[in-house]
Amino acid sequence: MNIATFNPGSVYEMSFIGDSNLRPQFVCVKRTAKTATFKAIDSNETLTRRVKVYDNSEFVLDGNYSMSPRIKASRKVKDLIYMNK
C-alpha cells in the first residue's frame, strides 16, 4: 500500500472537527523523518509537529486534545512551483 506523505512545497488543508467549512491552507516548508513544518498561507503562523500515520496517510495534530485541528497528507490542494523562503 502507498502511504500519502507530506512533501515540501505542497499545499495542504487543515480540517476542524467542530467547523467543517473552515479550511485554512498551509504549505509544507520542511520535512524530516519524524517532523513536518508548515507555514500558513494567509498569516505568519508556523507549525512544527511530529508526523503520525493513520489510514494510509500521514497527519499532524495542532494540539493535544481529542478535537484538535489536523493536517492530513491525503488532503493536498496543490504543489507550488516557486517556494519563497
N, C-alpha and C. Protein backbone atom coordinates (compact mmCIF):
# COMPACT_ATOMS: atom_id res chain seq x y z
N MET A 1 0.83 -1.19 0.00
CA MET A 1 0.00 0.00 0.00
C MET A 1 0.87 1.25 0.00
N ASN A 2 0.42 2.24 -0.72
CA ASN A 2 1.13 3.51 -0.75
C ASN A 2 0.58 4.42 0.34
N ILE A 3 1.49 5.04 1.07
CA ILE A 3 1.09 5.97 2.12
C ILE A 3 1.24 7.39 1.58
N ALA A 4 0.19 8.21 1.75
CA ALA A 4 0.26 9.62 1.35
C ALA A 4 1.22 10.33 2.31
N THR A 5 2.23 11.01 1.76
CA THR A 5 3.24 11.66 2.60
C THR A 5 3.27 13.16 2.35
N PHE A 6 3.79 13.89 3.34
CA PHE A 6 3.97 15.34 3.20
C PHE A 6 5.22 15.60 2.37
N ASN A 7 5.09 16.51 1.40
CA ASN A 7 6.22 16.89 0.55
C ASN A 7 6.44 18.39 0.64
N PRO A 8 7.69 18.82 0.87
CA PRO A 8 7.96 20.27 0.90
C PRO A 8 7.54 20.93 -0.41
N GLY A 9 6.88 22.07 -0.28
CA GLY A 9 6.41 22.80 -1.44
C GLY A 9 4.96 22.50 -1.81
N SER A 10 4.33 21.56 -1.12
CA SER A 10 2.94 21.23 -1.39
C SER A 10 2.02 21.95 -0.41
N VAL A 11 0.80 22.27 -0.86
CA VAL A 11 -0.19 22.97 -0.04
C VAL A 11 -1.21 21.96 0.46
N TYR A 12 -1.52 22.03 1.75
CA TYR A 12 -2.47 21.12 2.39
C TYR A 12 -3.53 21.92 3.13
N GLU A 13 -4.71 21.31 3.30
CA GLU A 13 -5.79 21.94 4.05
C GLU A 13 -5.81 21.42 5.48
N MET A 14 -5.99 22.32 6.43
CA MET A 14 -6.21 21.93 7.81
C MET A 14 -7.71 21.73 8.00
N SER A 15 -8.10 20.72 8.74
CA SER A 15 -9.52 20.48 8.97
C SER A 15 -9.83 20.54 10.46
N PHE A 16 -11.04 20.99 10.76
CA PHE A 16 -11.52 21.13 12.13
C PHE A 16 -12.75 20.24 12.31
N ILE A 17 -12.83 19.51 13.40
CA ILE A 17 -13.98 18.67 13.65
C ILE A 17 -15.21 19.52 13.93
N GLY A 18 -15.05 20.62 14.65
CA GLY A 18 -16.17 21.46 15.04
C GLY A 18 -16.71 22.37 13.95
N ASP A 19 -15.92 22.66 12.90
CA ASP A 19 -16.36 23.55 11.83
C ASP A 19 -15.85 23.00 10.50
N SER A 20 -16.69 22.26 9.81
CA SER A 20 -16.26 21.60 8.58
C SER A 20 -16.06 22.55 7.41
N ASN A 21 -16.56 23.79 7.52
CA ASN A 21 -16.39 24.77 6.44
C ASN A 21 -15.10 25.56 6.55
N LEU A 22 -14.44 25.51 7.69
CA LEU A 22 -13.18 26.24 7.90
C LEU A 22 -12.03 25.37 7.39
N ARG A 23 -11.34 25.82 6.36
CA ARG A 23 -10.27 25.05 5.72
C ARG A 23 -9.05 25.93 5.42
N PRO A 24 -8.30 26.37 6.44
CA PRO A 24 -7.10 27.16 6.15
C PRO A 24 -6.05 26.31 5.44
N GLN A 25 -5.26 26.96 4.58
CA GLN A 25 -4.27 26.24 3.81
C GLN A 25 -2.88 26.50 4.36
N PHE A 26 -2.05 25.46 4.36
CA PHE A 26 -0.69 25.51 4.86
C PHE A 26 0.25 24.92 3.83
N VAL A 27 1.45 25.50 3.72
CA VAL A 27 2.50 24.99 2.84
C VAL A 27 3.49 24.20 3.68
N CYS A 28 3.83 23.01 3.25
CA CYS A 28 4.87 22.24 3.91
C CYS A 28 6.21 22.83 3.48
N VAL A 29 6.96 23.40 4.43
CA VAL A 29 8.22 24.06 4.09
C VAL A 29 9.44 23.21 4.44
N LYS A 30 9.26 22.22 5.34
CA LYS A 30 10.39 21.37 5.73
C LYS A 30 9.86 20.03 6.18
N ARG A 31 10.61 18.98 5.86
CA ARG A 31 10.19 17.64 6.24
C ARG A 31 11.41 16.85 6.68
N THR A 32 11.36 16.26 7.87
CA THR A 32 12.40 15.34 8.33
C THR A 32 11.74 13.97 8.49
N ALA A 33 12.50 13.01 8.97
CA ALA A 33 11.95 11.66 9.14
C ALA A 33 10.84 11.63 10.18
N LYS A 34 10.91 12.51 11.20
CA LYS A 34 9.93 12.47 12.28
C LYS A 34 9.02 13.69 12.36
N THR A 35 9.37 14.80 11.73
CA THR A 35 8.58 16.03 11.86
C THR A 35 8.29 16.65 10.50
N ALA A 36 7.30 17.54 10.52
CA ALA A 36 6.96 18.34 9.34
C ALA A 36 6.71 19.76 9.81
N THR A 37 7.17 20.76 9.02
CA THR A 37 6.97 22.16 9.34
C THR A 37 6.08 22.78 8.27
N PHE A 38 5.06 23.50 8.73
CA PHE A 38 4.09 24.12 7.84
C PHE A 38 4.02 25.61 8.10
N LYS A 39 3.77 26.39 7.05
CA LYS A 39 3.55 27.83 7.16
C LYS A 39 2.18 28.14 6.58
N ALA A 40 1.39 28.91 7.34
CA ALA A 40 0.07 29.29 6.87
C ALA A 40 0.18 30.24 5.68
N ILE A 41 -0.70 30.10 4.71
CA ILE A 41 -0.66 30.94 3.52
C ILE A 41 -1.17 32.35 3.83
N ASP A 42 -2.18 32.47 4.68
CA ASP A 42 -2.80 33.77 4.93
C ASP A 42 -2.36 34.44 6.22
N SER A 43 -1.33 33.91 6.92
CA SER A 43 -0.83 34.54 8.14
C SER A 43 0.63 34.16 8.34
N ASN A 44 1.21 34.60 9.44
CA ASN A 44 2.61 34.29 9.75
C ASN A 44 2.75 33.07 10.65
N GLU A 45 1.69 32.31 10.83
CA GLU A 45 1.71 31.15 11.70
C GLU A 45 2.59 30.05 11.12
N THR A 46 3.43 29.46 11.96
CA THR A 46 4.28 28.35 11.57
C THR A 46 4.08 27.21 12.57
N LEU A 47 3.92 26.00 12.06
CA LEU A 47 3.72 24.82 12.89
C LEU A 47 4.81 23.80 12.61
N THR A 48 5.42 23.28 13.65
CA THR A 48 6.33 22.14 13.52
C THR A 48 5.78 21.06 14.43
N ARG A 49 5.40 19.94 13.84
CA ARG A 49 4.74 18.88 14.58
C ARG A 49 5.29 17.51 14.18
N ARG A 50 5.16 16.55 15.10
CA ARG A 50 5.54 15.17 14.81
C ARG A 50 4.53 14.54 13.87
N VAL A 51 5.02 13.76 12.93
CA VAL A 51 4.18 13.12 11.93
C VAL A 51 3.72 11.76 12.46
N LYS A 52 2.43 11.49 12.28
CA LYS A 52 1.84 10.20 12.63
C LYS A 52 1.20 9.63 11.37
N VAL A 53 0.93 8.33 11.38
CA VAL A 53 0.31 7.67 10.22
C VAL A 53 -0.96 6.98 10.67
N TYR A 54 -2.04 7.20 9.90
CA TYR A 54 -3.31 6.52 10.13
C TYR A 54 -4.05 6.41 8.80
N ASP A 55 -4.61 5.27 8.53
CA ASP A 55 -5.43 5.05 7.34
C ASP A 55 -4.67 5.40 6.06
N ASN A 56 -3.42 4.92 5.95
CA ASN A 56 -2.56 5.11 4.78
C ASN A 56 -2.28 6.57 4.45
N SER A 57 -2.25 7.43 5.46
CA SER A 57 -1.96 8.85 5.25
C SER A 57 -1.23 9.41 6.46
N GLU A 58 -0.19 10.21 6.19
CA GLU A 58 0.46 10.90 7.29
C GLU A 58 -0.42 12.06 7.74
N PHE A 59 -0.31 12.43 9.02
CA PHE A 59 -1.06 13.57 9.54
C PHE A 59 -0.33 14.19 10.72
N VAL A 60 -0.64 15.44 10.99
CA VAL A 60 -0.14 16.13 12.19
C VAL A 60 -1.33 16.75 12.90
N LEU A 61 -1.23 16.82 14.22
CA LEU A 61 -2.27 17.45 15.03
C LEU A 61 -1.76 18.78 15.56
N ASP A 62 -2.63 19.77 15.58
CA ASP A 62 -2.29 21.08 16.14
C ASP A 62 -2.89 21.19 17.54
N GLY A 63 -2.44 20.33 18.43
CA GLY A 63 -2.92 20.32 19.81
C GLY A 63 -2.85 18.92 20.37
N ASN A 64 -3.17 18.81 21.66
CA ASN A 64 -3.10 17.53 22.35
C ASN A 64 -4.45 17.12 22.91
N TYR A 65 -5.51 17.48 22.24
CA TYR A 65 -6.84 17.14 22.72
C TYR A 65 -7.62 16.43 21.61
N SER A 66 -8.72 15.80 21.95
CA SER A 66 -9.41 14.92 21.02
C SER A 66 -9.95 15.61 19.79
N MET A 67 -10.33 16.88 19.89
CA MET A 67 -10.91 17.58 18.74
C MET A 67 -9.95 18.61 18.14
N SER A 68 -8.66 18.37 18.28
CA SER A 68 -7.68 19.33 17.76
C SER A 68 -7.67 19.31 16.23
N PRO A 69 -7.37 20.47 15.63
CA PRO A 69 -7.29 20.54 14.16
C PRO A 69 -6.16 19.65 13.64
N ARG A 70 -6.32 19.19 12.41
CA ARG A 70 -5.31 18.29 11.84
C ARG A 70 -5.03 18.65 10.38
N ILE A 71 -3.84 18.32 9.96
CA ILE A 71 -3.46 18.43 8.55
C ILE A 71 -3.13 17.01 8.10
N LYS A 72 -3.83 16.54 7.07
CA LYS A 72 -3.60 15.21 6.53
C LYS A 72 -2.92 15.30 5.16
N ALA A 73 -1.97 14.42 4.92
CA ALA A 73 -1.27 14.41 3.64
C ALA A 73 -2.21 14.04 2.49
N SER A 74 -3.27 13.33 2.78
CA SER A 74 -4.22 12.96 1.72
C SER A 74 -5.09 14.14 1.28
N ARG A 75 -5.04 15.27 2.01
CA ARG A 75 -5.83 16.46 1.66
C ARG A 75 -4.94 17.51 0.99
N LYS A 76 -4.09 17.07 0.08
CA LYS A 76 -3.22 18.00 -0.65
C LYS A 76 -4.05 18.81 -1.64
N VAL A 77 -3.83 20.13 -1.64
CA VAL A 77 -4.56 21.02 -2.53
C VAL A 77 -3.82 21.18 -3.84
N LYS A 78 -2.51 21.48 -3.76
CA LYS A 78 -1.72 21.69 -4.97
C LYS A 78 -0.25 21.69 -4.62
N ASP A 79 0.59 21.66 -5.64
CA ASP A 79 2.04 21.79 -5.49
C ASP A 79 2.43 23.20 -5.92
N LEU A 80 3.29 23.83 -5.14
CA LEU A 80 3.80 25.15 -5.51
C LEU A 80 5.05 24.99 -6.34
N ILE A 81 5.14 25.74 -7.42
CA ILE A 81 6.33 25.70 -8.27
C ILE A 81 7.44 26.54 -7.65
N TYR A 82 7.08 27.72 -7.18
CA TYR A 82 8.06 28.63 -6.57
C TYR A 82 7.75 28.72 -5.08
N MET A 83 8.76 28.42 -4.27
CA MET A 83 8.57 28.48 -2.83
C MET A 83 9.44 29.59 -2.26
N ASN A 84 8.82 30.59 -1.66
CA ASN A 84 9.55 31.71 -1.08
C ASN A 84 10.04 31.34 0.32
N LYS A 85 11.35 31.40 0.55
CA LYS A 85 11.91 31.01 1.84
C LYS A 85 11.99 32.20 2.69
